[in-house]
Amino acid sequence: MAESLLRSRGEDLTVHDYELIQRLRLAGLLHDVGHYPFSHATQEAVRNFCAQGTPFFIHEDLGGEILKHDPDIRRVLNDDGIDPKDIGAIFSRSDPDFKLANLISSDLDADRLDYLPRTSHFSGLPYGSVDLDYIISQLCEDNKRRPCLTFKALRAADAFLIARLMDYQQIAYHKSVAAYEWLLKEVIQALLALEAADGGDNQLDLSQEGVVKRIQDRKWARFTDDNIYARIDRELQSDRKFGDPVVELMARAMLARTGPKTVAAFHRLARPFEPGPGAFDVYVEVRKGLTECAHQIAADFGFDKRLIKVWTERKALTKVGSRVSPPAQGKDDEDQANQMIRLTKPGGESVVITSVQHAMCWILADYNVEMIRVFVLLPPELHGRRAEIEQRFRDKVPAAGIPT
């Protein structure tokens, strides 16, 4: 991508250009190095556990800490004459004047162009099809040196954004994925609490201080999904068994792949809610009704309300989420607007794709995907009563419909 973009300037690439391409490659390789085992599920568990004030890292910041403190990564980069801070600055977007950071983090970045076809291939679903070669061939810059596509690539860009929207709905937010992530978050959060209470070496100390120490000691790179799986299994084999029958049930269901069932669902494309006199946010009201019904069902059927989950997601098509009318209002708004897909004639004025009236995104950018699902992990003695619970939701919240 970087090479195609630089060649669009119509000049031979210089040594400086190739050095820049190498830095961008390294930023692409390392931009997600800060992800925890099990990625966002663990990050959310850490966030919830540390809610009382213990400092923790989100994965973007953790990536910067790894570049700052990991002795092996620093040695490899320094041996090649590369300052780790320069790589971190690219994927953290800390330099607003470095427009090529969009190739690492934007609506049209290398990560998305990579994972969509890869996820499609390994899931067996067709929704990640991307005209990759053509998109790369049509990269150029506008008169502000921002990465753009030529107007000829409008359909390819449209298809790419729609494929991403489909990917979210069919894969990332698939009901089974969402249900098991719920269990995983709850179990990991319980493990964090147990480790903190136990003291000792506290192998799951994921505070900022604990993480930095493990990075410096070369232990962080070996902290993987398998470590957490092993810790869950070890806890289940112990006499304590989490000290909580609800968490024990969650952990056993997760490892045995006998996960939660969907008993109610709400799913639609809708314009963002606009407050005003008489305004009614359907999404919020359905969520409220499902939550109240879930708590009542738990009480009536006699199981812990932690075993029923109202899962929600509102997802926009682009990073900004709706049409943008330049100029943006502030620095953060401007950076978000600059991360949208822009179209231009090379070196000319550019426009965001959502402002082009013959683009599909012109319409879709004014809509959110709204999803609500209710998951329940029933104790064994209640397995036969799932249909009753589904019917209760249909009776109380008709808008939620039948789960699919």
Protein backbone atom coordinates (compact mmCIF):
# COMPACT_ATOMS: atom_id res chain seq x y z
CA MET A 1 0.00 0.00 0.00
CA ALA A 2 2.71 2.48 0.96
CA GLU A 3 4.75 1.77 -2.15
CA SER A 4 1.73 2.15 -4.43
CA LEU A 5 0.79 5.41 -2.73
CA LEU A 6 4.30 6.87 -2.98
CA ARG A 7 4.63 5.83 -6.64
CA SER A 8 1.39 7.69 -7.40
CA ARG A 9 3.38 10.91 -6.95
CA GLY A 10 4.99 10.17 -10.30
CA GLU A 11 8.54 10.25 -8.99
CA ASP A 12 11.19 7.56 -8.52
CA LEU A 13 11.33 6.25 -4.96
CA THR A 14 14.28 7.45 -2.93
CA VAL A 15 16.25 5.79 -0.14
CA HIS A 16 14.20 7.88 2.29
CA ASP A 17 10.99 6.52 0.74
CA TYR A 18 12.11 2.92 1.18
CA GLU A 19 13.07 3.63 4.80
CA LEU A 20 9.59 5.10 5.31
CA ILE A 21 8.00 2.01 3.75
CA GLN A 22 9.99 -0.18 6.13
CA ARG A 23 8.81 1.82 9.16
CA LEU A 24 5.22 1.51 7.97
CA ARG A 25 5.63 -2.25 7.51
CA LEU A 26 6.94 -2.56 11.05
CA ALA A 27 4.09 -0.41 12.39
CA GLY A 28 1.63 -2.69 10.58
CA LEU A 29 3.32 -5.77 11.99
CA LEU A 30 3.39 -4.42 15.55
CA HIS A 31 0.23 -2.30 15.74
CA ASP A 32 -1.75 -5.02 17.56
CA VAL A 33 1.13 -6.38 19.64
CA GLY A 34 -0.53 -4.89 22.72
CA HIS A 35 -3.57 -7.18 22.57
CA TYR A 36 -4.10 -9.29 25.68
CA PRO A 37 -4.65 -13.05 25.42
CA PHE A 38 -8.21 -13.45 24.13
CA SER A 39 -7.95 -9.86 22.91
CA HIS A 40 -10.92 -7.61 23.70
CA ALA A 41 -12.58 -10.09 26.05
CA THR A 42 -9.64 -9.93 28.46
CA GLN A 43 -9.30 -6.17 28.02
CA GLU A 44 -12.94 -5.70 29.04
CA ALA A 45 -12.47 -8.02 32.02
CA VAL A 46 -9.43 -6.00 33.09
CA ARG A 47 -11.34 -2.75 32.59
CA ASN A 48 -14.22 -3.97 34.79
CA PHE A 49 -11.88 -5.37 37.44
CA CYS A 50 -9.84 -2.16 37.58
CA ALA A 51 -12.94 0.08 37.66
CA GLN A 52 -12.19 1.07 41.26
CA GLY A 53 -9.15 3.05 40.19
CA THR A 54 -6.30 0.64 39.45
CA PRO A 55 -4.50 1.93 36.33
CA PHE A 56 -4.56 -0.47 33.37
CA PHE A 57 -3.66 -0.38 29.68
CA ILE A 58 -5.95 -0.51 26.69
CA HIS A 59 -4.28 -2.49 23.94
CA GLU A 60 -3.20 0.53 21.86
CA ASP A 61 -1.29 1.98 24.83
CA LEU A 62 0.03 -1.42 25.81
CA GLY A 63 1.59 -1.76 22.36
CA GLY A 64 3.55 1.42 23.02
CA GLU A 65 4.69 0.09 26.40
CA ILE A 66 5.94 -3.10 24.78
CA LEU A 67 8.00 -1.10 22.30
CA LYS A 68 9.30 0.97 25.18
CA HIS A 69 10.21 -1.86 27.57
CA ASP A 70 10.57 -5.19 25.71
CA PRO A 71 14.35 -5.74 25.52
CA ASP A 72 14.21 -8.17 22.60
CA ILE A 73 12.01 -6.02 20.35
CA ARG A 74 14.06 -2.94 21.17
CA ARG A 75 17.30 -4.74 20.36
CA VAL A 76 16.05 -5.98 16.98
CA LEU A 77 14.78 -2.53 15.99
CA ASN A 78 17.84 -0.68 17.27
CA ASP A 79 20.17 -3.10 15.48
CA ASP A 80 18.50 -2.01 12.24
CA GLY A 81 18.80 1.68 13.10
CA ILE A 82 15.09 2.09 13.90
CA ASP A 83 13.87 3.98 16.95
CA PRO A 84 11.00 2.02 18.59
CA LYS A 85 9.35 5.34 19.47
CA ASP A 86 8.99 6.15 15.77
CA ILE A 87 7.09 2.88 15.20
CA GLY A 88 4.82 3.46 18.18
CA ALA A 89 4.08 7.00 17.03
CA ILE A 90 2.74 5.68 13.73
CA PHE A 91 0.15 3.25 15.10
CA SER A 92 -0.79 5.55 18.00
CA ARG A 93 -1.37 8.43 15.53
CA SER A 94 0.47 10.76 17.92
CA ASP A 95 1.82 12.91 15.05
CA PRO A 96 -1.16 14.60 13.33
CA ASP A 97 1.07 15.73 10.46
CA PHE A 98 2.03 12.17 9.52
CA LYS A 99 -0.83 11.43 7.12
CA LEU A 100 0.45 7.98 6.12
CA ALA A 101 -0.60 6.70 9.55
CA ASN A 102 -3.95 6.12 7.82
CA LEU A 103 -2.42 3.07 6.17
CA ILE A 104 -2.17 1.54 9.68
CA SER A 105 -5.32 2.92 11.32
CA SER A 106 -8.30 4.23 9.36
CA ASP A 107 -11.41 3.07 7.53
CA LEU A 108 -9.10 1.88 4.74
CA ASP A 109 -6.05 0.42 6.43
CA ALA A 110 -3.85 -2.62 5.94
CA ASP A 111 -5.39 -4.37 8.95
CA ARG A 112 -8.92 -4.29 7.53
CA LEU A 113 -7.77 -5.19 4.02
CA ASP A 114 -5.99 -8.18 5.55
CA TYR A 115 -8.47 -9.53 8.06
CA LEU A 116 -11.63 -9.33 5.95
CA PRO A 117 -10.51 -11.83 3.28
CA ARG A 118 -8.64 -13.90 5.86
CA THR A 119 -11.66 -14.18 8.14
CA SER A 120 -13.83 -14.98 5.14
CA HIS A 121 -11.48 -17.77 4.09
CA PHE A 122 -11.19 -19.43 7.48
CA SER A 123 -14.86 -19.05 8.41
CA GLY A 124 -16.05 -20.31 5.02
CA LEU A 125 -18.33 -17.27 4.62
CA PRO A 126 -18.24 -15.10 1.48
CA TYR A 127 -18.76 -11.70 3.07
CA GLY A 128 -15.12 -10.59 3.22
CA SER A 129 -14.52 -10.51 -0.51
CA VAL A 130 -12.39 -7.43 -1.28
CA ASP A 131 -11.00 -6.19 -4.62
CA LEU A 132 -7.63 -5.89 -2.93
CA ASP A 133 -5.32 -5.46 -5.92
CA TYR A 134 -7.50 -2.81 -7.52
CA ILE A 135 -7.89 -0.85 -4.27
CA ILE A 136 -4.12 -0.80 -3.76
CA SER A 137 -3.53 0.22 -7.38
CA GLN A 138 -5.87 3.21 -6.97
CA LEU A 139 -4.22 4.69 -3.88
CA CYS A 140 -3.10 8.29 -4.24
CA GLU A 141 -2.84 11.54 -2.27
CA ASP A 142 -4.96 14.67 -2.25
CA ASN A 143 -3.70 18.24 -2.07
CA LYS A 144 -3.14 17.85 1.68
CA ARG A 145 -1.07 14.68 1.23
CA ARG A 146 -3.82 12.53 2.78
CA PRO A 147 -4.10 8.92 1.53
CA CYS A 148 -7.08 8.64 -0.81
CA LEU A 149 -8.51 6.50 -3.57
CA THR A 150 -9.19 7.69 -7.07
CA PHE A 151 -12.82 8.17 -8.02
CA LYS A 152 -12.52 5.08 -10.22
CA ALA A 153 -12.27 2.97 -7.06
CA LEU A 154 -15.62 4.16 -5.67
CA ARG A 155 -17.40 0.82 -6.22
CA ALA A 156 -14.50 -1.17 -4.79
CA ALA A 157 -14.48 1.07 -1.69
CA ASP A 158 -18.26 0.81 -1.36
CA ALA A 159 -18.06 -2.98 -1.54
CA PHE A 160 -15.23 -3.02 1.00
CA LEU A 161 -17.18 -1.02 3.60
CA ILE A 162 -20.32 -3.09 3.06
CA ALA A 163 -18.27 -6.30 3.38
CA ARG A 164 -16.98 -5.00 6.72
CA LEU A 165 -20.51 -4.31 7.88
CA MET A 166 -21.52 -7.85 6.93
CA ASP A 167 -18.44 -9.24 8.66
CA TYR A 168 -19.42 -7.55 11.91
CA GLN A 169 -22.94 -8.95 11.77
CA GLN A 170 -22.13 -12.48 10.60
CA ILE A 171 -18.80 -13.15 12.32
CA ALA A 172 -17.55 -10.68 14.94
CA TYR A 173 -21.02 -10.27 16.47
CA HIS A 174 -22.39 -13.71 15.65
CA LYS A 175 -24.59 -14.93 18.48
CA SER A 176 -22.22 -17.76 19.44
CA VAL A 177 -19.17 -15.48 19.41
CA ALA A 178 -20.94 -12.88 21.56
CA ALA A 179 -22.28 -15.51 23.99
CA TYR A 180 -18.93 -17.17 24.59
CA GLU A 181 -17.18 -13.81 24.92
CA TRP A 182 -19.65 -12.97 27.69
CA LEU A 183 -18.69 -16.12 29.57
CA LEU A 184 -15.00 -15.53 28.96
CA LYS A 185 -15.13 -11.98 30.34
CA GLU A 186 -16.94 -13.11 33.47
CA VAL A 187 -14.59 -16.02 34.13
CA ILE A 188 -11.42 -13.97 33.53
CA GLN A 189 -12.70 -11.21 35.79
CA ALA A 190 -13.32 -13.79 38.51
CA LEU A 191 -9.78 -15.13 38.05
CA LEU A 192 -8.34 -11.62 38.41
CA ALA A 193 -10.20 -11.20 41.69
CA LEU A 194 -9.03 -14.58 43.01
CA GLU A 195 -5.40 -13.91 42.06
CA ALA A 196 -5.50 -10.51 43.73
CA ALA A 197 -6.95 -12.02 46.89
CA ASP A 198 -4.44 -14.87 46.94
CA GLY A 199 -1.38 -12.59 46.76
CA GLY A 200 1.84 -14.49 46.06
CA ASP A 201 3.41 -14.09 42.62
CA ASN A 202 -0.01 -13.11 41.18
CA GLN A 203 0.52 -14.36 37.65
CA LEU A 204 -2.61 -12.50 36.52
CA ASP A 205 -1.57 -9.06 37.76
CA LEU A 206 -2.72 -7.03 34.75
CA SER A 207 -2.38 -3.62 36.34
CA GLN A 208 -0.08 -1.19 34.52
CA GLU A 209 2.70 -1.86 37.03
CA GLY A 210 2.32 -5.63 36.79
CA VAL A 211 2.24 -5.66 32.98
CA VAL A 212 5.32 -3.43 32.62
CA LYS A 213 7.26 -5.66 35.02
CA ARG A 214 6.37 -8.76 33.00
CA ILE A 215 7.38 -7.06 29.76
CA GLN A 216 10.75 -6.11 31.22
CA ASP A 217 11.23 -9.65 32.58
CA ARG A 218 10.50 -11.16 29.12
CA LYS A 219 7.44 -12.96 30.53
CA TRP A 220 4.73 -11.01 28.71
CA ALA A 221 5.52 -12.49 25.28
CA ARG A 222 4.81 -15.95 26.72
CA PHE A 223 1.47 -14.93 28.23
CA THR A 224 -1.00 -16.55 25.82
CA ASP A 225 -4.55 -17.89 25.55
CA ASP A 226 -3.25 -21.26 26.73
CA ASN A 227 -2.09 -19.72 30.02
CA ILE A 228 -5.60 -18.52 30.76
CA TYR A 229 -7.17 -21.81 29.67
CA ALA A 230 -4.77 -23.68 31.96
CA ARG A 231 -5.55 -21.33 34.85
CA ILE A 232 -9.30 -21.87 34.38
CA ASP A 233 -8.87 -25.63 34.23
CA ARG A 234 -6.63 -25.62 37.31
CA GLU A 235 -9.24 -23.65 39.24
CA LEU A 236 -11.96 -26.11 38.25
CA GLN A 237 -9.81 -29.00 39.48
CA SER A 238 -9.21 -27.32 42.83
CA ASP A 239 -11.38 -27.69 45.92
CA ARG A 240 -12.33 -24.01 45.70
CA LYS A 241 -13.78 -24.11 42.15
CA PHE A 242 -13.86 -20.28 41.96
CA GLY A 243 -15.72 -20.15 45.28
CA ASP A 244 -18.81 -19.26 43.24
CA PRO A 245 -21.19 -21.79 41.65
CA VAL A 246 -22.26 -19.30 38.97
CA VAL A 247 -18.70 -18.70 37.74
CA GLU A 248 -18.01 -22.44 37.98
CA LEU A 249 -21.03 -23.14 35.75
CA MET A 250 -19.84 -20.51 33.26
CA ALA A 251 -16.33 -21.92 33.16
CA ARG A 252 -17.50 -25.52 32.69
CA ALA A 253 -19.95 -24.50 29.95
CA MET A 254 -17.22 -22.57 28.15
CA LEU A 255 -14.69 -25.40 28.23
CA ALA A 256 -17.30 -28.01 27.31
CA ARG A 257 -18.72 -25.77 24.56
CA THR A 258 -22.22 -26.08 25.94
CA GLY A 259 -22.70 -22.34 25.92
CA PRO A 260 -25.59 -19.95 26.52
CA LYS A 261 -28.72 -20.00 24.38
CA THR A 262 -30.32 -17.00 22.71
CA VAL A 263 -33.84 -16.47 24.03
CA ALA A 264 -34.66 -13.04 22.56
CA ALA A 265 -33.19 -10.81 19.86
CA PHE A 266 -33.62 -7.37 18.31
CA HIS A 267 -31.77 -6.44 15.11
CA ARG A 268 -32.28 -3.56 12.70
CA LEU A 269 -30.70 -0.82 10.57
CA ALA A 270 -31.78 2.58 11.88
CA ARG A 271 -30.85 6.23 11.74
CA PRO A 272 -29.01 7.52 14.83
CA PHE A 273 -31.37 8.73 17.51
CA GLU A 274 -31.98 12.47 17.53
CA PRO A 275 -33.16 13.85 20.90
CA GLY A 276 -36.07 16.25 20.90
CA PRO A 277 -39.63 16.77 22.11
CA GLY A 278 -41.52 13.51 21.83
CA ALA A 279 -38.46 11.64 20.57
CA PHE A 280 -38.48 7.91 21.27
CA ASP A 281 -35.28 5.84 21.07
CA VAL A 282 -36.58 2.38 20.12
CA TYR A 283 -33.22 0.73 20.77
CA VAL A 284 -32.97 2.10 24.31
CA GLU A 285 -36.56 1.24 25.14
CA VAL A 286 -36.26 -2.33 23.83
CA ARG A 287 -33.05 -2.78 25.79
CA LYS A 288 -34.75 -1.47 28.92
CA GLY A 289 -37.73 -3.77 28.45
CA LEU A 290 -35.55 -6.83 27.83
CA THR A 291 -33.41 -6.05 30.89
CA GLU A 292 -36.44 -5.73 33.16
CA CYS A 293 -37.92 -8.93 31.75
CA ALA A 294 -34.61 -10.78 32.17
CA HIS A 295 -34.38 -9.88 35.85
CA GLN A 296 -38.00 -10.90 36.43
CA ILE A 297 -37.50 -14.23 34.64
CA ALA A 298 -34.44 -15.02 36.74
CA ALA A 299 -36.48 -14.37 39.90
CA ASP A 300 -39.53 -16.33 38.72
CA PHE A 301 -37.57 -19.35 37.48
CA GLY A 302 -35.30 -19.32 40.53
CA PHE A 303 -31.82 -18.89 39.05
CA ASP A 304 -29.08 -16.31 39.60
CA LYS A 305 -29.62 -13.21 37.44
CA ARG A 306 -25.93 -13.30 36.49
CA LEU A 307 -26.81 -16.28 34.28
CA ILE A 308 -28.87 -14.12 31.94
CA LYS A 309 -27.22 -11.45 29.81
CA VAL A 310 -28.68 -8.62 27.74
CA TRP A 311 -25.99 -8.07 25.10
CA THR A 312 -26.09 -4.84 23.08
CA GLU A 313 -24.21 -3.31 20.18
CA ARG A 314 -24.69 -0.21 18.06
CA LYS A 315 -22.30 -0.19 15.11
CA ALA A 316 -21.76 2.51 12.50
CA LEU A 317 -20.50 1.90 8.98
CA THR A 318 -17.47 4.18 9.33
CA LYS A 319 -15.23 5.43 12.12
CA VAL A 320 -17.15 8.71 12.22
CA GLY A 321 -20.48 6.97 11.88
CA SER A 322 -22.35 9.39 9.66
CA ARG A 323 -21.78 11.95 6.99
CA VAL A 324 -19.06 14.48 7.73
CA SER A 325 -19.19 18.06 6.50
CA PRO A 326 -15.64 19.52 6.57
CA PRO A 327 -14.24 21.40 8.27
CA ALA A 328 -14.56 19.31 11.43
CA GLN A 329 -15.07 21.08 14.74
CA GLY A 330 -11.98 20.10 16.73
CA LYS A 331 -8.72 18.18 16.55
CA ASP A 332 -10.30 14.87 17.54
CA ASP A 333 -13.14 15.38 15.06
CA GLU A 334 -10.66 16.33 12.36
CA ASP A 335 -8.56 13.22 13.00
CA GLN A 336 -11.68 11.03 12.85
CA ALA A 337 -12.77 12.70 9.62
CA ASN A 338 -9.32 12.19 8.15
CA GLN A 339 -9.59 8.46 8.84
CA MET A 340 -12.60 8.08 6.55
CA ILE A 341 -12.18 6.85 3.00
CA ARG A 342 -11.57 9.85 0.76
CA LEU A 343 -11.81 10.09 -3.02
CA THR A 344 -9.87 12.45 -5.24
CA LYS A 345 -8.08 13.07 -8.47
CA PRO A 346 -4.36 12.70 -7.64
CA GLY A 347 -3.19 15.92 -6.00
CA GLY A 348 -6.65 17.50 -6.02
CA GLU A 349 -9.34 18.33 -3.50
CA SER A 350 -10.76 15.20 -1.86
CA VAL A 351 -14.21 14.29 -0.58
CA VAL A 352 -15.28 11.66 1.94
CA ILE A 353 -16.99 8.68 0.34
CA THR A 354 -20.15 9.24 2.37
CA SER A 355 -20.71 12.58 0.62
CA VAL A 356 -20.79 11.07 -2.89
CA GLN A 357 -24.47 10.79 -3.76
CA HIS A 358 -24.12 7.83 -6.13
CA ALA A 359 -22.23 5.80 -3.50
CA MET A 360 -24.08 3.19 -1.46
CA CYS A 361 -22.25 4.60 1.55
CA TRP A 362 -24.00 7.93 1.03
CA ILE A 363 -27.15 6.21 2.28
CA LEU A 364 -25.70 3.62 4.66
CA ALA A 365 -23.51 6.13 6.52
CA ASP A 366 -26.67 7.64 8.00
CA TYR A 367 -27.59 4.32 9.62
CA ASN A 368 -26.40 2.24 12.55
CA VAL A 369 -26.68 -1.49 12.94
CA GLU A 370 -28.52 -2.01 16.23
CA MET A 371 -28.36 -5.42 17.87
CA ILE A 372 -29.69 -6.70 21.18
CA ARG A 373 -29.62 -10.33 22.23
CA VAL A 374 -30.56 -12.04 25.46
CA PHE A 375 -28.41 -15.02 26.37
CA VAL A 376 -29.21 -17.44 29.17
CA LEU A 377 -27.05 -20.14 30.68
CA LEU A 378 -29.56 -22.33 32.44
CA PRO A 379 -28.62 -24.63 35.32
CA PRO A 380 -29.06 -28.31 34.41
CA GLU A 381 -32.36 -28.62 36.26
CA LEU A 382 -33.90 -25.88 34.06
CA HIS A 383 -32.70 -27.03 30.63
CA GLY A 384 -36.19 -28.15 29.65
CA ARG A 385 -37.75 -24.73 30.25
CA ARG A 386 -35.99 -22.69 27.58
CA ALA A 387 -39.14 -22.49 25.40
CA GLU A 388 -41.09 -21.01 28.33
CA ILE A 389 -38.46 -18.33 28.77
CA GLU A 390 -38.49 -17.48 25.05
CA GLN A 391 -42.28 -17.15 25.15
CA ARG A 392 -42.11 -14.87 28.18
CA PHE A 393 -39.83 -12.49 26.29
CA ARG A 394 -42.09 -12.53 23.23
CA ASP A 395 -45.09 -11.71 25.43
CA LYS A 396 -43.41 -8.92 27.37
CA VAL A 397 -41.27 -7.35 24.61
CA PRO A 398 -42.91 -8.10 21.24
CA ALA A 399 -40.42 -5.85 19.38
CA ALA A 400 -37.60 -8.25 20.28
CA GLY A 401 -38.98 -11.00 18.08
CA ILE A 402 -37.85 -14.60 17.78
CA PRO A 403 -34.11 -15.34 18.16
CA THR A 404 -32.31 -16.59 15.06
